[in-house]
Amino acid sequence: MCVTLCSCNQIVKRMDAKVAETRKAVFTDIKKEVEAGTSNKDEGVASEYNDLETPAPLKLVSEQILRRTGYTASYNSDRRVPNWVAWHLTPNRLTGDAKRSGSAFHEDEEVPEPRAVHFDYVRSGYDRGHMCPAGDNKWNAVAMDESFLLTNVCPQAPSLNRGDWNEMEQACRKWAKQYGDLYIVCGPIFYKGKTKTIGANKVAVPEAFFKVVLCMKGEPKAIGFIYKNGDGNRPKGDYANSVDEVERITGIDFFPSLPDNVEKKVEAECNPDDWDL
């Protein structure tokens, strides 16, 4: 009798491949429905500002631009995490039939190997922290599924992911309903020095995270936030910074499509009271 032994990883890879094939077929059909106008659409994203949320191209780090249904990501193949993720948030994107419970985190086959996979996070001590959150993608089933791609995820301290970071996500939803729409960019921060990694694919663990928010309704205004990737339970205003300061720390040029005079003004200011913080 001949017995063939397979490792658990081989079995899991085969299962993941089968799940990915099924998911791809299902969501290809949904995308066709969206394009044909027979599925739910995001009817609230029309704006005189197109792609205003997209930062300027990066020069000093690896960058692959990934255009998704609900967001755009700049992916770093060296770190296996995004450089930034940007999206235009409207009230319409916060409602719909797409449920978080029907989605699962999965690897992104559009980026080269090695890349982040499920097992990189298992017993790592870190959550799979959404950059563009699932709650901002209820409007469309494809958008919801794509929010669970691991290229939209970073290793995040559980207390941050489930605490202050989550509270900021909720604040952005409140502002989107209050003002009509927002332009948001967030991502990891890596300071100089050796970077910690997790898993066989060496997924980089950020030291901190940033988020910048722009509102163009009425008098344009913007604000930035910086969170250390660790424990913390502080008021949202304690994390507030000017967008200029976030640019200085990250090296990213935010909102480059704004008229220069508007960009200079809103990015220099940090007024928590304007955001009811």
Protein backbone atom coordinates (compact mmCIF):
# COMPACT_ATOMS: atom_id res chain seq x y z
CA MET A 1 0.00 0.00 0.00
CA CYS A 2 1.30 3.45 -0.92
CA VAL A 3 0.41 6.35 1.35
CA THR A 4 0.87 9.96 0.21
CA LEU A 5 1.44 12.47 2.99
CA CYS A 6 0.41 16.10 2.55
CA SER A 7 1.22 18.93 4.90
CA CYS A 8 -1.57 20.92 6.48
CA ASN A 9 -0.36 23.97 4.56
CA GLN A 10 -0.73 22.13 1.24
CA ILE A 11 -4.28 21.09 2.10
CA VAL A 12 -5.18 24.62 3.22
CA LYS A 13 -3.69 26.10 0.04
CA ARG A 14 -5.85 23.77 -2.07
CA MET A 15 -8.93 24.74 -0.05
CA ASP A 16 -8.08 28.45 -0.31
CA ALA A 17 -7.59 28.09 -4.08
CA LYS A 18 -11.01 26.45 -4.43
CA VAL A 19 -12.67 29.15 -2.30
CA ALA A 20 -10.91 31.87 -4.31
CA GLU A 21 -12.09 30.33 -7.59
CA THR A 22 -15.69 30.22 -6.35
CA ARG A 23 -15.50 33.79 -5.00
CA LYS A 24 -14.06 35.07 -8.27
CA ALA A 25 -16.87 33.49 -10.28
CA VAL A 26 -19.58 34.84 -7.99
CA PHE A 27 -18.24 38.40 -7.86
CA THR A 28 -17.51 38.49 -11.59
CA ASP A 29 -21.24 37.93 -12.10
CA ILE A 30 -22.07 40.69 -9.61
CA LYS A 31 -19.70 43.12 -11.35
CA LYS A 32 -21.44 42.39 -14.64
CA GLU A 33 -24.76 43.23 -13.01
CA VAL A 34 -23.38 46.51 -11.68
CA GLU A 35 -22.04 47.48 -15.09
CA ALA A 36 -25.34 46.55 -16.72
CA GLY A 37 -27.29 48.61 -14.22
CA THR A 38 -29.18 45.66 -12.74
CA SER A 39 -27.47 45.61 -9.35
CA ASN A 40 -27.18 48.11 -6.52
CA LYS A 41 -25.10 51.15 -7.47
CA ASP A 42 -23.51 53.89 -5.46
CA GLU A 43 -25.67 56.79 -6.58
CA GLY A 44 -24.19 59.25 -4.12
CA VAL A 45 -20.62 59.63 -5.29
CA ALA A 46 -21.10 62.16 -8.08
CA SER A 47 -18.85 65.12 -7.38
CA GLU A 48 -17.17 68.02 -9.13
CA TYR A 49 -13.94 66.69 -7.60
CA ASN A 50 -12.80 63.48 -9.28
CA ASP A 51 -10.23 61.31 -7.50
CA LEU A 52 -9.58 64.15 -5.06
CA GLU A 53 -8.75 61.59 -2.39
CA THR A 54 -5.84 60.07 -4.37
CA PRO A 55 -2.37 61.13 -3.12
CA ALA A 56 0.51 62.01 -5.41
CA PRO A 57 2.71 59.14 -6.72
CA LEU A 58 5.33 57.93 -4.26
CA LYS A 59 8.99 58.09 -5.19
CA LEU A 60 11.01 56.40 -2.45
CA VAL A 61 9.04 53.19 -1.78
CA SER A 62 7.52 50.33 -3.76
CA GLU A 63 4.10 51.23 -5.15
CA GLN A 64 1.45 49.30 -7.09
CA ILE A 65 -1.87 51.11 -7.55
CA LEU A 66 -4.93 48.89 -7.04
CA ARG A 67 -8.26 50.32 -8.22
CA ARG A 68 -11.14 48.75 -6.31
CA THR A 69 -14.89 49.24 -6.39
CA GLY A 70 -14.97 51.19 -3.12
CA TYR A 71 -11.40 52.46 -2.71
CA THR A 72 -7.96 52.88 -4.26
CA ALA A 73 -4.85 51.39 -2.63
CA SER A 74 -1.14 51.98 -3.03
CA TYR A 75 0.42 48.58 -2.30
CA ASN A 76 3.97 48.03 -1.07
CA SER A 77 5.30 44.64 -2.22
CA ASP A 78 8.37 44.95 0.04
CA ARG A 79 6.27 45.28 3.19
CA ARG A 80 3.20 43.22 2.06
CA VAL A 81 0.89 46.02 3.25
CA PRO A 82 -0.55 49.16 1.64
CA ASN A 83 1.30 52.48 1.66
CA TRP A 84 -2.09 54.16 1.74
CA VAL A 85 -5.77 53.47 1.02
CA ALA A 86 -8.07 56.27 -0.19
CA TRP A 87 -11.82 56.51 -0.71
CA HIS A 88 -14.69 58.95 -1.20
CA LEU A 89 -17.24 58.40 1.57
CA THR A 90 -20.89 59.35 1.08
CA PRO A 91 -24.03 58.49 3.10
CA ASN A 92 -25.15 56.11 0.34
CA ARG A 93 -22.10 53.94 0.89
CA LEU A 94 -23.12 53.34 4.50
CA THR A 95 -26.35 51.53 3.69
CA GLY A 96 -27.26 48.52 1.58
CA ASP A 97 -27.63 44.76 1.57
CA ALA A 98 -23.94 43.82 1.65
CA LYS A 99 -23.18 42.20 5.00
CA ARG A 100 -19.83 41.93 6.74
CA SER A 101 -20.83 38.48 8.03
CA GLY A 102 -20.85 37.14 4.47
CA SER A 103 -17.23 38.12 3.78
CA ALA A 104 -13.90 36.66 4.83
CA PHE A 105 -10.34 37.95 4.66
CA HIS A 106 -8.50 36.61 1.60
CA GLU A 107 -5.20 37.09 -0.20
CA ASP A 108 -4.98 39.40 -3.19
CA GLU A 109 -3.93 37.51 -6.31
CA GLU A 110 -3.34 40.77 -8.20
CA VAL A 111 -0.10 41.41 -6.33
CA PRO A 112 3.12 39.38 -6.66
CA GLU A 113 4.24 36.65 -4.28
CA PRO A 114 5.32 36.63 -1.54
CA ARG A 115 2.18 38.34 -0.28
CA ALA A 116 0.10 38.32 2.89
CA VAL A 117 -2.05 35.24 3.50
CA HIS A 118 -4.41 34.21 6.29
CA PHE A 119 -1.81 32.17 8.20
CA ASP A 120 0.56 35.12 8.51
CA TYR A 121 -1.86 36.58 11.06
CA VAL A 122 -2.68 33.37 12.96
CA ARG A 123 -1.33 33.57 16.54
CA SER A 124 0.61 36.71 15.60
CA GLY A 125 -0.93 38.82 18.37
CA TYR A 126 -2.25 41.29 15.78
CA ASP A 127 -5.68 41.87 14.26
CA ARG A 128 -6.22 42.15 10.53
CA GLY A 129 -6.96 45.84 10.66
CA HIS A 130 -9.03 47.26 7.80
CA MET A 131 -7.78 50.47 6.26
CA CYS A 132 -10.94 51.17 4.22
CA PRO A 133 -13.47 49.67 6.67
CA ALA A 134 -16.14 47.14 5.81
CA GLY A 135 -18.74 49.47 7.30
CA ASP A 136 -18.04 52.02 4.55
CA ASN A 137 -18.86 49.45 1.84
CA LYS A 138 -22.38 48.26 2.65
CA TRP A 139 -23.64 49.75 -0.61
CA ASN A 140 -22.23 47.03 -2.89
CA ALA A 141 -21.41 43.32 -2.51
CA VAL A 142 -18.22 43.56 -4.58
CA ALA A 143 -17.04 46.59 -2.58
CA MET A 144 -17.69 44.70 0.66
CA ASP A 145 -15.77 41.63 -0.52
CA GLU A 146 -12.84 43.71 -1.75
CA SER A 147 -12.59 45.45 1.61
CA PHE A 148 -11.48 42.06 3.00
CA LEU A 149 -8.54 41.72 0.60
CA LEU A 150 -5.32 41.52 2.62
CA THR A 151 -3.92 44.39 0.54
CA ASN A 152 -6.45 46.58 2.41
CA VAL A 153 -5.21 45.29 5.75
CA CYS A 154 -2.33 45.90 8.19
CA PRO A 155 -1.28 44.12 11.39
CA GLN A 156 -2.97 46.21 14.06
CA ALA A 157 -2.92 45.99 17.85
CA PRO A 158 -6.27 44.48 18.93
CA SER A 159 -6.98 47.24 21.44
CA LEU A 160 -6.43 49.89 18.76
CA ASN A 161 -8.40 48.10 16.04
CA ARG A 162 -11.39 47.49 18.29
CA GLY A 163 -11.08 50.71 20.27
CA ASP A 164 -9.85 54.16 19.24
CA TRP A 165 -9.37 53.30 15.53
CA ASN A 166 -12.93 51.96 15.38
CA GLU A 167 -14.19 55.11 17.10
CA MET A 168 -12.53 57.25 14.42
CA GLU A 169 -14.16 55.14 11.67
CA GLN A 170 -17.52 55.81 13.32
CA ALA A 171 -16.75 59.53 13.55
CA CYS A 172 -16.03 59.62 9.79
CA ARG A 173 -19.41 58.02 9.11
CA LYS A 174 -21.11 60.63 11.27
CA TRP A 175 -19.30 63.42 9.39
CA ALA A 176 -20.20 61.90 6.01
CA LYS A 177 -23.89 61.99 6.99
CA GLN A 178 -23.54 65.49 8.42
CA TYR A 179 -21.63 67.07 5.52
CA GLY A 180 -22.74 64.89 2.59
CA ASP A 181 -19.36 63.41 1.69
CA LEU A 182 -15.71 63.15 2.74
CA TYR A 183 -12.38 62.33 1.13
CA ILE A 184 -10.34 59.98 3.33
CA VAL A 185 -6.83 58.53 3.18
CA CYS A 186 -5.28 56.27 5.80
CA GLY A 187 -2.41 53.85 6.14
CA PRO A 188 0.58 52.65 8.13
CA ILE A 189 3.54 54.62 9.43
CA PHE A 190 7.03 53.13 9.51
CA TYR A 191 9.76 55.03 11.32
CA LYS A 192 13.44 54.55 10.57
CA GLY A 193 14.99 51.37 11.91
CA LYS A 194 14.36 47.65 11.74
CA THR A 195 10.71 46.76 11.09
CA LYS A 196 8.99 43.91 12.93
CA THR A 197 7.28 41.32 10.71
CA ILE A 198 4.78 38.50 11.19
CA GLY A 199 4.23 35.20 9.42
CA ALA A 200 6.15 33.22 6.83
CA ASN A 201 5.62 36.01 4.30
CA LYS A 202 7.13 38.63 6.62
CA VAL A 203 4.23 41.08 6.71
CA ALA A 204 5.51 44.37 8.12
CA VAL A 205 4.04 45.61 11.41
CA PRO A 206 3.50 49.40 11.44
CA GLU A 207 4.68 51.48 14.37
CA ALA A 208 1.70 53.78 13.90
CA PHE A 209 -1.20 54.68 11.60
CA PHE A 210 -2.41 57.89 10.00
CA LYS A 211 -5.76 59.11 8.72
CA VAL A 212 -6.47 62.38 6.92
CA VAL A 213 -9.98 63.68 6.23
CA LEU A 214 -11.08 66.41 3.82
CA CYS A 215 -14.50 68.05 3.61
CA MET A 216 -15.30 70.30 0.63
CA LYS A 217 -18.84 71.29 1.67
CA GLY A 218 -19.10 74.96 2.55
CA GLU A 219 -15.72 76.29 3.68
CA PRO A 220 -13.20 73.52 2.86
CA LYS A 221 -11.51 71.98 5.89
CA ALA A 222 -9.20 69.08 6.64
CA ILE A 223 -7.71 67.33 9.65
CA GLY A 224 -5.19 64.58 10.29
CA PHE A 225 -4.78 61.90 12.94
CA ILE A 226 -1.86 59.76 14.11
CA TYR A 227 -2.30 56.64 16.26
CA LYS A 228 0.47 54.56 17.78
CA ASN A 229 0.04 50.85 17.02
CA GLY A 230 -0.51 49.80 20.60
CA ASP A 231 -2.72 50.17 23.63
CA GLY A 232 -4.54 53.41 24.19
CA ASN A 233 -7.91 54.80 25.17
CA ARG A 234 -7.92 58.52 24.60
CA PRO A 235 -10.29 61.19 23.22
CA LYS A 236 -10.20 61.55 19.44
CA GLY A 237 -8.91 65.09 19.70
CA ASP A 238 -5.72 63.83 21.35
CA TYR A 239 -4.72 62.20 18.06
CA ALA A 240 -5.44 65.27 15.92
CA ASN A 241 -2.74 66.86 13.77
CA SER A 242 -2.61 69.10 10.73
CA VAL A 243 -2.44 67.35 7.35
CA ASP A 244 0.90 69.10 6.85
CA GLU A 245 2.26 67.29 9.92
CA VAL A 246 1.02 63.93 8.64
CA GLU A 247 2.69 64.68 5.30
CA ARG A 248 5.94 65.48 7.08
CA ILE A 249 5.90 62.17 8.97
CA THR A 250 4.75 59.94 6.10
CA GLY A 251 6.32 61.63 3.07
CA ILE A 252 2.96 61.42 1.27
CA ASP A 253 1.51 64.40 -0.63
CA PHE A 254 -2.23 64.38 0.15
CA PHE A 255 -4.96 66.01 -1.94
CA PRO A 256 -2.63 67.21 -4.72
CA SER A 257 -5.60 67.91 -7.03
CA LEU A 258 -6.85 70.74 -4.83
CA PRO A 259 -6.25 74.30 -6.02
CA ASP A 260 -2.94 75.37 -4.48
CA ASN A 261 -4.44 78.14 -2.35
CA VAL A 262 -7.07 75.78 -0.90
CA GLU A 263 -4.59 72.96 -0.32
CA LYS A 264 -2.14 75.23 1.47
CA LYS A 265 -4.82 76.62 3.78
CA VAL A 266 -6.66 73.45 4.79
CA GLU A 267 -3.52 71.34 5.22
CA ALA A 268 -1.87 73.87 7.55
CA GLU A 269 -4.81 73.98 9.97
CA CYS A 270 -5.72 71.67 12.82
CA ASN A 271 -8.99 72.77 14.40
CA PRO A 272 -10.61 69.91 16.38
CA ASP A 273 -13.50 72.18 17.34
CA ASP A 274 -14.50 72.43 13.67
CA TRP A 275 -15.11 68.66 13.78
CA ASP A 276 -16.83 68.59 17.20
CA LEU A 277 -13.90 66.74 18.76
